[in-house]
Protein backbone atom coordinates (compact mmCIF):
# COMPACT_ATOMS: atom_id res chain seq x y z
CA MET A 1 -17.06 9.36 1.36
CA GLU A 2 -14.02 7.05 -0.07
CA HIS A 3 -16.91 5.56 -2.04
CA ILE A 4 -18.05 8.98 -3.59
CA GLU A 5 -14.33 10.08 -3.91
CA SER A 6 -13.57 6.79 -5.93
CA LYS A 7 -16.43 7.53 -8.26
CA ILE A 8 -15.01 11.22 -9.05
CA ALA A 9 -11.61 10.34 -9.75
CA PHE A 10 -13.08 7.52 -11.99
CA LEU A 11 -15.03 10.23 -13.65
CA GLU A 12 -12.03 12.32 -14.08
CA ARG A 13 -9.93 9.80 -15.45
CA ALA A 14 -12.73 8.92 -18.22
CA ASN A 15 -13.28 12.75 -19.01
CA MET A 16 -9.53 13.24 -19.64
CA GLU A 17 -9.58 9.87 -22.17
CA LEU A 18 -12.94 11.09 -23.94
CA SER A 19 -11.23 14.43 -24.55
CA ASP A 20 -7.95 12.86 -25.59
CA VAL A 21 -10.01 10.63 -28.16
CA VAL A 22 -12.07 13.82 -29.43
CA TYR A 23 -8.98 15.82 -30.08
CA ARG A 24 -7.38 13.09 -31.91
CA GLN A 25 -10.52 13.11 -33.82
CA GLN A 26 -10.79 16.78 -34.74
CA GLN A 27 -7.17 16.03 -36.04
CA GLU A 28 -7.90 13.53 -38.15
CA LEU A 29 -10.95 15.35 -39.33
CA GLU A 30 -9.14 18.52 -39.98
CA GLU A 31 -6.44 16.04 -41.70
CA LEU A 32 -9.64 14.48 -43.90
CA ARG A 33 -10.69 17.70 -44.59
CA MET A 34 -7.51 19.33 -46.14
CA ARG A 35 -7.06 15.86 -48.37
CA LEU A 36 -10.19 16.05 -49.53
CA SER A 37 -9.72 19.68 -50.50
CA LEU A 38 -6.63 18.84 -52.43
CA LEU A 39 -8.19 16.08 -54.30
CA ALA A 40 -11.02 18.32 -55.24
CA THR A 41 -8.80 20.86 -56.55
CA GLN A 42 -6.93 18.12 -58.45
CA LEU A 43 -9.89 16.56 -59.80
CA GLU A 44 -10.94 20.08 -61.22
CA SER A 45 -7.80 20.82 -62.75
CA LEU A 46 -8.22 17.34 -64.80
CA ARG A 47 -11.49 18.31 -65.82
CA GLY A 48 -10.23 21.24 -67.63
CA GLU A 49 -7.57 19.82 -69.50
CA ASP A 50 -8.19 18.33 -73.13
CA PRO A 51 -7.15 14.49 -72.88
CA THR A 52 -3.79 14.07 -74.45
CA TYR A 53 -3.14 10.43 -76.08
CA THR A 54 0.01 9.00 -77.23
CA ALA A 55 -0.09 6.30 -80.35
CA GLU A 56 0.17 3.73 -77.68
CA GLN A 57 -2.79 4.89 -75.89
CA GLU A 58 -4.97 5.65 -78.94
CA ARG A 59 -7.74 3.06 -79.77
CA PRO A 60 -7.16 1.55 -83.63
CA PRO A 61 -9.98 2.66 -85.78
CA HIS A 62 -12.10 -1.06 -85.61
CA TYR A 63 -12.53 -0.67 -81.97
């Protein structure tokens, strides 16, 4: 009986640890999705803009 109780206690602890890992991964996944969405929005806004170059950024005619 003690052996079974020991195994159950081990399995319960392992289950809780795995649950914590899954929760942290879900939080990280949500954060990464949010950051990806923000980056996609920024990229789209940059695509719509015409690039404006300063005199220092312009290439000379011989390039």
